[in-house]
Amino acid sequence: MIRKTLSLLLIEELLRFRHLLAGLVGRSLKAVYTGSMVGAAWVYVKPLIVILAYYFVFDQVLSIRLDLRDSGTSSYALYLLSGLLPWLVFSDAVIEGATSLVREAELLKKTRFPIVLIPAKSVVTAAVKIFPLLLLIWLFSVATADGRVHGVVLLAVWIAVQIQLTYYIAIILSIMSAALRDVGLLVESIFPMLLFFSPVLYPLDKVPSAFQWLLWLNPFTPLAEGYHAILLRGELPALFDLAIVGCWILAALLICHLLLRRSQEYIVDWL
């Protein structure tokens, strides 16, 4: 039983149902943009406008500059977007994933459906919407005088790490929300505020040392630091960041195992 439950949380389990998952994601995207002239291309319009707006306001109008030695770039817009775009994926996936089982209650009641695919759909849909735009940030960092990056492969690996952690968190919150609806409402209300407790809007070293521990309670903090290292400084994520992300993934995996083992027989009844 334990081995079976744990296998549900592994990436190969998603690969086994990849065609079903792809169909769910495709249907989700088409439902939003059906009838529009450019269809799913609208997914990228809003983030592109955000990128151009930040560049215009912070780099051209306000001319905000950062310390190159500390931040890896003098462009505040580049610093901001290198963390903000991944945050949008993280936030959207967790918020949508938290209520995903409740939204798909009718499907789960009528068919024998792998419940872990439901929050996985929210995670993958959010990733499809935003992550390709990180390539633009990567290309821009290469083109600038202070852009020093290892390459897109390292960026892809770090993206995969974020997707794995986000997937586990989404499963945890979706099960808790199925048992208690207030969890989903609480996530929708409070989770966006975590942006202000992560090194996305400001460098970590600007936070007084007495309060930096608050940021490390946020699972996105080591991910943001990793993106800054890869995109802005052309470095591998720091060992400390890797260790913290590893601890978050391990903890989330163990909680997923516990929740799935104890709730799998009751989830449909809760819904």
Protein backbone atom coordinates (compact mmCIF):
# COMPACT_ATOMS: atom_id res chain seq x y z
CA MET A 1 0.00 0.00 0.00
CA ILE A 2 2.78 2.43 0.92
CA ARG A 3 4.71 1.72 -2.27
CA LYS A 4 1.55 2.14 -4.33
CA THR A 5 0.69 5.44 -2.69
CA LEU A 6 4.20 6.81 -3.07
CA SER A 7 4.27 5.82 -6.73
CA LEU A 8 1.34 8.16 -7.34
CA LEU A 9 3.58 11.06 -6.38
CA LEU A 10 6.43 10.23 -8.73
CA ILE A 11 6.95 11.88 -12.08
CA GLU A 12 6.66 8.55 -13.93
CA GLU A 13 3.09 8.26 -12.70
CA LEU A 14 2.28 11.46 -14.55
CA LEU A 15 4.13 10.17 -17.60
CA ARG A 16 1.96 7.06 -17.55
CA PHE A 17 -1.14 9.24 -17.81
CA ARG A 18 0.52 11.91 -19.95
CA HIS A 19 -2.04 11.70 -22.76
CA LEU A 20 -4.94 12.07 -20.35
CA LEU A 21 -3.18 14.92 -18.57
CA ALA A 22 -2.42 16.65 -21.88
CA GLY A 23 -6.08 16.35 -22.83
CA LEU A 24 -7.18 17.90 -19.54
CA VAL A 25 -4.74 20.80 -19.90
CA GLY A 26 -5.70 21.37 -23.54
CA ARG A 27 -9.40 21.36 -22.71
CA SER A 28 -8.80 23.82 -19.86
CA LEU A 29 -6.96 26.27 -22.14
CA LYS A 30 -9.45 25.94 -25.00
CA ALA A 31 -12.41 26.56 -22.69
CA VAL A 32 -11.05 29.99 -21.81
CA TYR A 33 -10.09 31.16 -25.29
CA THR A 34 -12.70 29.44 -27.49
CA GLY A 35 -14.08 31.90 -30.04
CA SER A 36 -11.10 34.26 -30.05
CA MET A 37 -9.17 34.88 -33.27
CA VAL A 38 -5.76 33.85 -31.97
CA GLY A 39 -6.97 31.24 -29.49
CA ALA A 40 -4.46 30.03 -26.90
CA ALA A 41 -1.95 32.69 -28.00
CA TRP A 42 -3.83 35.00 -25.63
CA VAL A 43 -2.16 33.04 -22.83
CA TYR A 44 1.03 35.00 -23.49
CA VAL A 45 -0.43 38.43 -24.21
CA LYS A 46 -0.93 39.50 -20.59
CA PRO A 47 2.53 38.37 -19.38
CA LEU A 48 4.17 40.07 -22.38
CA ILE A 49 2.38 43.30 -21.56
CA VAL A 50 3.60 42.96 -17.97
CA ILE A 51 7.19 42.47 -19.16
CA LEU A 52 7.06 45.53 -21.41
CA ALA A 53 5.36 47.63 -18.73
CA TYR A 54 7.95 46.78 -16.07
CA TYR A 55 10.81 47.47 -18.47
CA PHE A 56 9.33 50.84 -19.47
CA VAL A 57 8.46 52.00 -15.94
CA PHE A 58 11.43 50.77 -13.91
CA ASP A 59 14.24 50.93 -16.47
CA GLN A 60 13.26 53.77 -18.78
CA VAL A 61 11.13 56.12 -16.66
CA LEU A 62 12.33 55.63 -13.08
CA SER A 63 15.79 54.37 -14.10
CA ILE A 64 16.06 52.21 -10.98
CA ARG A 65 19.44 50.52 -10.77
CA LEU A 66 20.69 47.75 -8.50
CA ASP A 67 24.17 46.91 -7.30
CA LEU A 68 25.60 44.66 -9.99
CA ARG A 69 27.84 42.79 -7.55
CA ASP A 70 25.01 41.88 -5.18
CA SER A 71 22.10 41.35 -7.57
CA GLY A 72 23.84 40.11 -10.72
CA THR A 73 22.23 42.85 -12.80
CA SER A 74 21.84 46.59 -12.64
CA SER A 75 18.37 46.39 -14.21
CA TYR A 76 15.62 46.30 -11.61
CA ALA A 77 13.07 45.25 -14.23
CA LEU A 78 15.19 42.21 -15.15
CA TYR A 79 15.69 41.35 -11.48
CA LEU A 80 11.97 41.69 -10.81
CA LEU A 81 10.79 39.65 -13.80
CA SER A 82 13.29 36.85 -13.21
CA GLY A 83 11.49 36.11 -9.95
CA LEU A 84 8.00 37.41 -10.70
CA LEU A 85 7.26 35.17 -13.69
CA PRO A 86 8.06 31.96 -11.76
CA TRP A 87 6.06 33.33 -8.83
CA LEU A 88 3.00 33.77 -11.06
CA VAL A 89 3.27 30.10 -12.01
CA PHE A 90 3.71 29.05 -8.39
CA SER A 91 0.85 31.20 -7.11
CA ASP A 92 -1.63 30.33 -9.86
CA ALA A 93 -0.87 26.60 -9.63
CA VAL A 94 -1.22 26.45 -5.83
CA ILE A 95 -4.40 28.56 -5.69
CA GLU A 96 -6.07 26.68 -8.55
CA GLY A 97 -4.77 23.34 -7.31
CA ALA A 98 -6.10 23.90 -3.80
CA THR A 99 -9.71 23.89 -5.04
CA SER A 100 -9.22 21.57 -8.01
CA LEU A 101 -10.77 18.46 -6.43
CA VAL A 102 -13.81 20.41 -5.30
CA ARG A 103 -14.29 21.87 -8.80
CA GLU A 104 -14.04 18.43 -10.41
CA ALA A 105 -16.27 16.71 -7.86
CA GLU A 106 -18.77 15.48 -10.46
CA LEU A 107 -16.04 13.86 -12.54
CA LEU A 108 -14.57 12.07 -9.54
CA LYS A 109 -17.98 10.86 -8.40
CA LYS A 110 -18.88 9.38 -11.79
CA THR A 111 -15.60 7.77 -12.87
CA ARG A 112 -12.61 5.96 -11.40
CA PHE A 113 -10.17 8.78 -12.03
CA PRO A 114 -6.62 9.18 -10.65
CA ILE A 115 -7.16 12.00 -8.19
CA VAL A 116 -3.56 13.23 -8.45
CA LEU A 117 -4.14 14.20 -12.09
CA ILE A 118 -6.62 16.89 -11.06
CA PRO A 119 -4.14 19.11 -9.15
CA ALA A 120 -1.49 18.16 -11.73
CA LYS A 121 -3.69 19.76 -14.40
CA SER A 122 -3.64 23.06 -12.47
CA VAL A 123 0.14 22.92 -12.12
CA VAL A 124 0.83 22.12 -15.78
CA THR A 125 -1.69 24.67 -17.06
CA ALA A 126 -0.03 27.43 -15.04
CA ALA A 127 3.39 26.33 -16.29
CA VAL A 128 2.29 26.36 -19.93
CA LYS A 129 1.00 29.90 -19.52
CA ILE A 130 4.12 31.48 -18.07
CA PHE A 131 7.31 29.42 -18.21
CA PRO A 132 7.97 29.86 -21.96
CA LEU A 133 8.27 33.58 -21.30
CA LEU A 134 11.24 32.89 -19.04
CA LEU A 135 13.11 32.16 -22.25
CA LEU A 136 12.65 35.82 -23.15
CA ILE A 137 14.17 36.82 -19.82
CA TRP A 138 17.03 34.38 -20.45
CA LEU A 139 17.65 35.79 -23.92
CA PHE A 140 17.52 39.35 -22.59
CA SER A 141 20.04 38.51 -19.85
CA VAL A 142 22.34 37.04 -22.50
CA ALA A 143 22.00 40.14 -24.67
CA THR A 144 22.77 42.61 -21.89
CA ALA A 145 26.32 43.51 -20.97
CA ASP A 146 26.00 41.99 -17.50
CA GLY A 147 24.19 38.82 -18.56
CA ARG A 148 26.26 35.76 -17.67
CA VAL A 149 24.24 32.57 -17.86
CA HIS A 150 25.17 28.90 -18.03
CA GLY A 151 22.41 28.05 -20.48
CA VAL A 152 18.83 27.09 -20.92
CA VAL A 153 19.35 23.50 -19.72
CA LEU A 154 20.09 24.61 -16.17
CA LEU A 155 17.03 26.86 -16.28
CA ALA A 156 14.89 23.92 -17.44
CA VAL A 157 16.14 21.77 -14.56
CA TRP A 158 15.25 24.45 -12.01
CA ILE A 159 11.82 24.83 -13.60
CA ALA A 160 11.32 21.07 -13.19
CA VAL A 161 12.27 21.38 -9.51
CA GLN A 162 9.66 24.09 -9.02
CA ILE A 163 6.98 22.05 -10.81
CA GLN A 164 7.69 19.05 -8.58
CA LEU A 165 7.40 21.07 -5.36
CA THR A 166 4.32 22.89 -6.60
CA TYR A 167 2.70 19.58 -7.55
CA TYR A 168 3.10 18.16 -4.05
CA ILE A 169 1.82 21.34 -2.39
CA ALA A 170 -1.20 21.39 -4.72
CA ILE A 171 -2.06 17.79 -3.82
CA ILE A 172 -1.81 18.52 -0.09
CA LEU A 173 -4.03 21.60 -0.26
CA SER A 174 -6.56 19.98 -2.61
CA ILE A 175 -7.11 17.09 -0.21
CA MET A 176 -7.36 19.43 2.77
CA SER A 177 -9.80 21.62 0.86
CA ALA A 178 -11.93 18.59 -0.03
CA ALA A 179 -12.18 17.77 3.67
CA LEU A 180 -12.67 21.37 4.78
CA ARG A 181 -13.80 23.98 2.24
CA ASP A 182 -12.37 26.81 4.32
CA VAL A 183 -8.85 25.71 3.35
CA GLY A 184 -9.40 26.68 -0.28
CA LEU A 185 -10.85 30.05 0.70
CA LEU A 186 -7.97 30.65 3.08
CA VAL A 187 -5.40 29.87 0.38
CA GLU A 188 -7.09 32.25 -2.07
CA SER A 189 -7.09 35.02 0.53
CA ILE A 190 -3.65 34.66 2.10
CA PHE A 191 -1.37 32.99 -0.43
CA PRO A 192 -0.91 36.03 -2.74
CA MET A 193 0.54 37.92 0.23
CA LEU A 194 3.52 35.54 0.28
CA LEU A 195 4.91 37.52 -2.65
CA PHE A 196 5.85 40.25 -0.19
CA PHE A 197 7.69 37.72 1.97
CA SER A 198 9.97 36.47 -0.80
CA PRO A 199 13.02 37.99 -2.54
CA VAL A 200 11.06 38.83 -5.69
CA LEU A 201 10.35 42.53 -5.19
CA TYR A 202 13.65 43.19 -3.41
CA PRO A 203 17.03 41.49 -2.91
CA LEU A 204 17.29 39.27 0.14
CA ASP A 205 20.25 41.19 1.54
CA LYS A 206 18.05 44.30 1.86
CA VAL A 207 16.01 42.57 4.57
CA PRO A 208 17.28 43.18 8.13
CA SER A 209 19.01 40.04 9.39
CA ALA A 210 16.60 39.82 12.32
CA PHE A 211 13.69 39.25 9.89
CA GLN A 212 15.30 37.16 7.16
CA TRP A 213 14.13 33.94 8.79
CA LEU A 214 10.54 34.96 7.93
CA LEU A 215 11.36 34.77 4.23
CA TRP A 216 12.82 31.28 4.57
CA LEU A 217 9.45 30.07 5.86
CA ASN A 218 8.17 30.77 2.35
CA PRO A 219 8.78 27.76 0.04
CA PHE A 220 9.26 30.11 -2.91
CA THR A 221 12.23 31.95 -1.38
CA PRO A 222 14.91 29.36 -2.31
CA LEU A 223 13.32 28.96 -5.75
CA ALA A 224 13.51 32.72 -6.35
CA GLU A 225 17.13 32.80 -5.21
CA GLY A 226 17.87 29.96 -7.63
CA TYR A 227 16.34 31.84 -10.57
CA HIS A 228 18.35 34.92 -9.70
CA ALA A 229 21.54 32.87 -9.60
CA ILE A 230 20.84 31.18 -12.95
CA LEU A 231 19.38 34.09 -14.91
CA LEU A 232 21.28 37.04 -13.47
CA ARG A 233 24.63 35.79 -12.23
CA GLY A 234 25.16 32.79 -14.47
CA GLU A 235 25.74 30.54 -11.47
CA LEU A 236 24.39 27.32 -10.06
CA PRO A 237 21.91 27.83 -7.21
CA ALA A 238 23.69 28.02 -3.87
CA LEU A 239 24.05 24.82 -1.89
CA PHE A 240 21.95 26.32 0.90
CA ASP A 241 19.11 27.04 -1.56
CA LEU A 242 19.35 23.51 -2.95
CA ALA A 243 19.23 22.08 0.57
CA ILE A 244 16.18 24.15 1.53
CA VAL A 245 14.32 23.21 -1.66
CA GLY A 246 15.20 19.56 -1.05
CA CYS A 247 13.81 19.76 2.48
CA TRP A 248 10.57 21.33 1.21
CA ILE A 249 10.17 18.63 -1.45
CA LEU A 250 10.85 15.82 1.01
CA ALA A 251 8.48 17.24 3.61
CA ALA A 252 5.74 17.80 1.02
CA LEU A 253 6.22 14.27 -0.36
CA LEU A 254 5.86 12.71 3.09
CA ILE A 255 2.74 14.76 3.85
CA CYS A 256 1.28 13.76 0.46
CA HIS A 257 1.90 10.11 1.27
CA LEU A 258 0.21 10.45 4.66
CA LEU A 259 -2.81 12.33 3.32
CA LEU A 260 -3.34 10.06 0.34
CA ARG A 261 -3.06 6.92 2.44
CA ARG A 262 -5.56 8.13 5.02
CA SER A 263 -8.03 9.97 2.80
CA GLN A 264 -8.21 8.06 -0.48
CA GLU A 265 -11.27 6.09 0.64
CA TYR A 266 -13.12 9.20 1.84
CA ILE A 267 -12.35 11.89 -0.76
CA VAL A 268 -15.36 11.11 -2.94
CA ASP A 269 -17.64 11.20 0.10
CA TRP A 270 -16.17 14.53 1.16
CA LEU A 271 -16.89 15.95 -2.28
